[in-house]
C-alpha atoms as a PDB file:
ATOM      1  CA  UNK A   1      94.406  76.688  77.796  1.00  0.00           C
ATOM      2  CA  UNK A   2      93.970  80.411  77.025  1.00  0.00           C
ATOM      3  CA  UNK A   3      96.925  82.680  77.660  1.00  0.00           C
ATOM      4  CA  UNK A   4      96.514  84.874  80.723  1.00  0.00           C
ATOM      5  CA  UNK A   5      97.760  88.403  81.247  1.00  0.00           C
ATOM      6  CA  UNK A   6     100.322  87.731  83.959  1.00  0.00           C
ATOM      7  CA  UNK A   7     100.890  91.423  84.640  1.00  0.00           C
ATOM      8  CA  UNK A   8      97.160  91.910  85.269  1.00  0.00           C
ATOM      9  CA  UNK A   9      97.231  88.957  87.670  1.00  0.00           C
ATOM     10  CA  UNK A  10     100.045  90.464  89.748  1.00  0.00           C
ATOM     11  CA  UNK A  11      98.552  93.971  89.546  1.00  0.00           C
ATOM     12  CA  UNK A  12      95.282  92.571  90.901  1.00  0.00           C
ATOM     13  CA  UNK A  13      97.146  90.954  93.812  1.00  0.00           C
ATOM     14  CA  UNK A  14      98.731  94.283  94.750  1.00  0.00           C
ATOM     15  CA  UNK A  15      95.577  96.358  94.309  1.00  0.00           C
ATOM     16  CA  UNK A  16      92.941  94.028  95.736  1.00  0.00           C
ATOM     17  CA  UNK A  17      94.856  92.251  98.481  1.00  0.00           C
ATOM     18  CA  UNK A  18      97.493  94.734  99.641  1.00  0.00           C
ATOM     19  CA  UNK A  19      95.849  98.089  98.931  1.00  0.00           C
ATOM     20  CA  UNK A  20      92.171  97.263  99.482  1.00  0.00           C
ATOM     21  CA  UNK A  21      92.551  94.467 102.042  1.00  0.00           C
ATOM     22  CA  UNK A  22      90.379  92.023 100.093  1.00  0.00           C
ATOM     23  CA  UNK A  23      92.060  88.937 101.534  1.00  0.00           C
ATOM     24  CA  UNK A  24      89.648  86.458  99.908  1.00  0.00           C
ATOM     25  CA  UNK A  25      91.237  87.250  96.540  1.00  0.00           C
ATOM     26  CA  UNK A  26      94.363  85.397  97.727  1.00  0.00           C
ATOM     27  CA  UNK A  27      92.471  82.102  97.282  1.00  0.00           C
ATOM     28  CA  UNK A  28      92.010  82.905  93.599  1.00  0.00           C
ATOM     29  CA  UNK A  29      95.376  84.443  92.728  1.00  0.00           C
ATOM     30  CA  UNK A  30      97.820  82.302  94.733  1.00  0.00           C
ATOM     31  CA  UNK A  31      98.516  78.599  94.222  1.00  0.00           C
ATOM     32  CA  UNK A  32      97.832  76.238  97.104  1.00  0.00           C
ATOM     33  CA  UNK A  33     101.560  75.448  97.244  1.00  0.00           C
ATOM     34  CA  UNK A  34     102.692  79.090  96.816  1.00  0.00           C
ATOM     35  CA  UNK A  35     105.927  80.033  98.582  1.00  0.00           C
ATOM     36  CA  UNK A  36     107.648  83.364  99.176  1.00  0.00           C
ATOM     37  CA  UNK A  37     111.389  82.698  98.994  1.00  0.00           C
ATOM     38  CA  UNK A  38     112.592  86.094 100.155  1.00  0.00           C
ATOM     39  CA  UNK A  39     111.340  89.043 102.082  1.00  0.00           C
ATOM     40  CA  UNK A  40     110.718  89.764 105.727  1.00  0.00           C
ATOM     41  CA  UNK A  41     109.454  86.266 106.539  1.00  0.00           C
ATOM     42  CA  UNK A  42     111.566  84.176 104.174  1.00  0.00           C
ATOM     43  CA  UNK A  43     110.160  80.769 103.220  1.00  0.00           C
ATOM     44  CA  UNK A  44     107.485  80.892 105.927  1.00  0.00           C
ATOM     45  CA  UNK A  45     104.779  82.452 103.764  1.00  0.00           C
ATOM     46  CA  UNK A  46     103.276  79.392 102.087  1.00  0.00           C
ATOM     47  CA  UNK A  47      99.890  79.195 100.429  1.00  0.00           C
ATOM     48  CA  UNK A  48      96.976  81.624 100.230  1.00  0.00           C
ATOM     49  CA  UNK A  49      96.253  81.451 103.972  1.00  0.00           C
ATOM     50  CA  UNK A  50      99.768  82.652 104.788  1.00  0.00           C
ATOM     51  CA  UNK A  51      99.325  85.544 102.344  1.00  0.00           C
ATOM     52  CA  UNK A  52      96.147  86.534 104.190  1.00  0.00           C
ATOM     53  CA  UNK A  53      97.905  86.448 107.575  1.00  0.00           C
ATOM     54  CA  UNK A  54     100.934  88.346 106.278  1.00  0.00           C
ATOM     55  CA  UNK A  55      98.856  91.096 104.654  1.00  0.00           C
ATOM     56  CA  UNK A  56      96.599  91.361 107.723  1.00  0.00           C
ATOM     57  CA  UNK A  57      99.654  91.856 109.950  1.00  0.00           C
ATOM     58  CA  UNK A  58     101.096  94.583 107.728  1.00  0.00           C
ATOM     59  CA  UNK A  59      97.731  96.321 107.370  1.00  0.00           C
ATOM     60  CA  UNK A  60      97.203  96.211 111.142  1.00  0.00           C
ATOM     61  CA  UNK A  61     100.583  97.841 111.742  1.00  0.00           C
ATOM     62  CA  UNK A  62     100.141 100.294 108.839  1.00  0.00           C
ATOM     63  CA  UNK A  63      96.393 100.683 108.154  1.00  0.00           C
ATOM     64  CA  UNK A  64      97.007 103.444 105.610  1.00  0.00           C
ATOM     65  CA  UNK A  65      99.614 101.424 103.681  1.00  0.00           C
ATOM     66  CA  UNK A  66      99.449 101.864  99.921  1.00  0.00           C
ATOM     67  CA  UNK A  67     101.680 100.148  97.406  1.00  0.00           C
ATOM     68  CA  UNK A  68     102.242 101.875  94.095  1.00  0.00           C
ATOM     69  CA  UNK A  69     103.452  99.920  91.103  1.00  0.00           C
ATOM     70  CA  UNK A  70     106.282 101.932  89.565  1.00  0.00           C
ATOM     71  CA  UNK A  71     107.124  99.427  86.821  1.00  0.00           C
ATOM     72  CA  UNK A  72     105.625  96.126  85.762  1.00  0.00           C
ATOM     73  CA  UNK A  73     106.987  93.767  83.142  1.00  0.00           C
ATOM     74  CA  UNK A  74     106.548  90.132  82.186  1.00  0.00           C
ATOM     75  CA  UNK A  75     108.704  87.605  80.434  1.00  0.00           C
ATOM     76  CA  UNK A  76     107.652  84.023  79.910  1.00  0.00           C
ATOM     77  CA  UNK A  77     106.199  82.895  83.234  1.00  0.00           C
ATOM     78  CA  UNK A  78     107.777  85.629  85.391  1.00  0.00           C
ATOM     79  CA  UNK A  79     106.540  89.085  86.354  1.00  0.00           C
ATOM     80  CA  UNK A  80     108.823  91.786  87.739  1.00  0.00           C
ATOM     81  CA  UNK A  81     107.375  94.623  89.798  1.00  0.00           C
ATOM     82  CA  UNK A  82     109.233  97.692  91.010  1.00  0.00           C
ATOM     83  CA  UNK A  83     107.152  99.193  93.806  1.00  0.00           C
ATOM     84  CA  UNK A  84     106.958 101.993  96.347  1.00  0.00           C
ATOM     85  CA  UNK A  85     105.041 101.513  99.589  1.00  0.00           C
ATOM     86  CA  UNK A  86     103.874 104.521 101.559  1.00  0.00           C
ATOM     87  CA  UNK A  87     102.306 104.962 104.951  1.00  0.00           C
ATOM     88  CA  UNK A  88     101.377 108.642 105.315  1.00  0.00           C
ATOM     89  CA  UNK A  89     100.503 108.357 109.014  1.00  0.00           C
ATOM     90  CA  UNK A  90     103.896 106.806 109.767  1.00  0.00           C
ATOM     91  CA  UNK A  91     105.656 109.149 107.300  1.00  0.00           C
ATOM     92  CA  UNK A  92     107.393 106.193 105.732  1.00  0.00           C
ATOM     93  CA  UNK A  93     108.315 105.267 102.198  1.00  0.00           C
ATOM     94  CA  UNK A  94     109.814 101.957 101.216  1.00  0.00           C
ATOM     95  CA  UNK A  95     110.956 100.802  97.783  1.00  0.00           C
ATOM     96  CA  UNK A  96     111.584  97.335  96.471  1.00  0.00           C
ATOM     97  CA  UNK A  97     111.203  94.772  93.758  1.00  0.00           C
ATOM     98  CA  UNK A  98     109.076  91.665  93.501  1.00  0.00           C
ATOM     99  CA  UNK A  99     109.495  88.770  91.113  1.00  0.00           C
ATOM    100  CA  UNK A 100     106.608  86.347  90.732  1.00  0.00           C
ATOM    101  CA  UNK A 101     106.585  83.006  88.936  1.00  0.00           C
ATOM    102  CA  UNK A 102     103.209  82.262  87.400  1.00  0.00           C
ATOM    103  CA  UNK A 103     101.977  78.691  86.897  1.00  0.00           C
ATOM    104  CA  UNK A 104      98.500  77.498  85.939  1.00  0.00           C
ATOM    105  CA  UNK A 105      97.150  81.075  86.035  1.00  0.00           C
ATOM    106  CA  UNK A 106      98.227  81.642  89.650  1.00  0.00           C
ATOM    107  CA  UNK A 107     101.183  83.081  91.516  1.00  0.00           C
ATOM    108  CA  UNK A 108     103.259  80.035  92.425  1.00  0.00           C
ATOM    109  CA  UNK A 109     106.416  81.610  93.870  1.00  0.00           C
ATOM    110  CA  UNK A 110     107.771  85.041  94.678  1.00  0.00           C
ATOM    111  CA  UNK A 111     110.980  86.760  95.678  1.00  0.00           C
ATOM    112  CA  UNK A 112     110.910  90.192  97.315  1.00  0.00           C
ATOM    113  CA  UNK A 113     113.785  92.566  97.944  1.00  0.00           C
ATOM    114  CA  UNK A 114     113.343  95.929  99.616  1.00  0.00           C
ATOM    115  CA  UNK A 115     115.468  98.802 100.857  1.00  0.00           C
ATOM    116  CA  UNK A 116     116.265  97.676 104.414  1.00  0.00           C
ATOM    117  CA  UNK A 117     118.521 100.647 105.174  1.00  0.00           C
ATOM    118  CA  UNK A 118     115.916 103.102 103.934  1.00  0.00           C
ATOM    119  CA  UNK A 119     113.237 101.485 106.087  1.00  0.00           C
ATOM    120  CA  UNK A 120     115.278 101.173 109.279  1.00  0.00           C
ATOM    121  CA  UNK A 121     117.138 104.484 109.118  1.00  0.00           C
ATOM    122  CA  UNK A 122     114.162 106.700 110.058  1.00  0.00           C
ATOM    123  CA  UNK A 123     113.593 104.433 113.066  1.00  0.00           C
ATOM    124  CA  UNK A 124     117.173 104.988 114.249  1.00  0.00           C
ATOM    125  CA  UNK A 125     118.095 101.390 113.441  1.00  0.00           C
ATOM    126  CA  UNK A 126     120.734  99.948 111.127  1.00  0.00           C
ATOM    127  CA  UNK A 127     120.685  96.691 109.208  1.00  0.00           C
ATOM    128  CA  UNK A 128     122.899  93.947 110.630  1.00  0.00           C
ATOM    129  CA  UNK A 129     126.560  94.297 109.667  1.00  0.00           C
ATOM    130  CA  UNK A 130     126.409  98.062 109.098  1.00  0.00           C
ATOM    131  CA  UNK A 131     127.829 100.700 111.378  1.00  0.00           C
END
């Protein structure tokens, strides 16, 4: 099996699916048994169809959403992305990290962490447990 460029795979997911809204690409880039272990909807995003629904929801709420890749690195079968998401209409900026496990040339699992306080603060909200 030829070696794939795992960083290009993850970059394509961000650019095509998240930034351009090309949801059909999820069928190519994500494994049928894909699972997102962390993030806003922990462990409920499973498979390419769930990616499509998740992205569609975000893009409906924030139609001008753009995710910039600030850093991208790979090691073995894992890709780490440091990202910044912006929504100019909503005047919001959100930063986070994403770790993807690649298997059989597809994204098999991911873990996302983002700045909850930075996202909720402008809305006048505070993360649970903070005063």
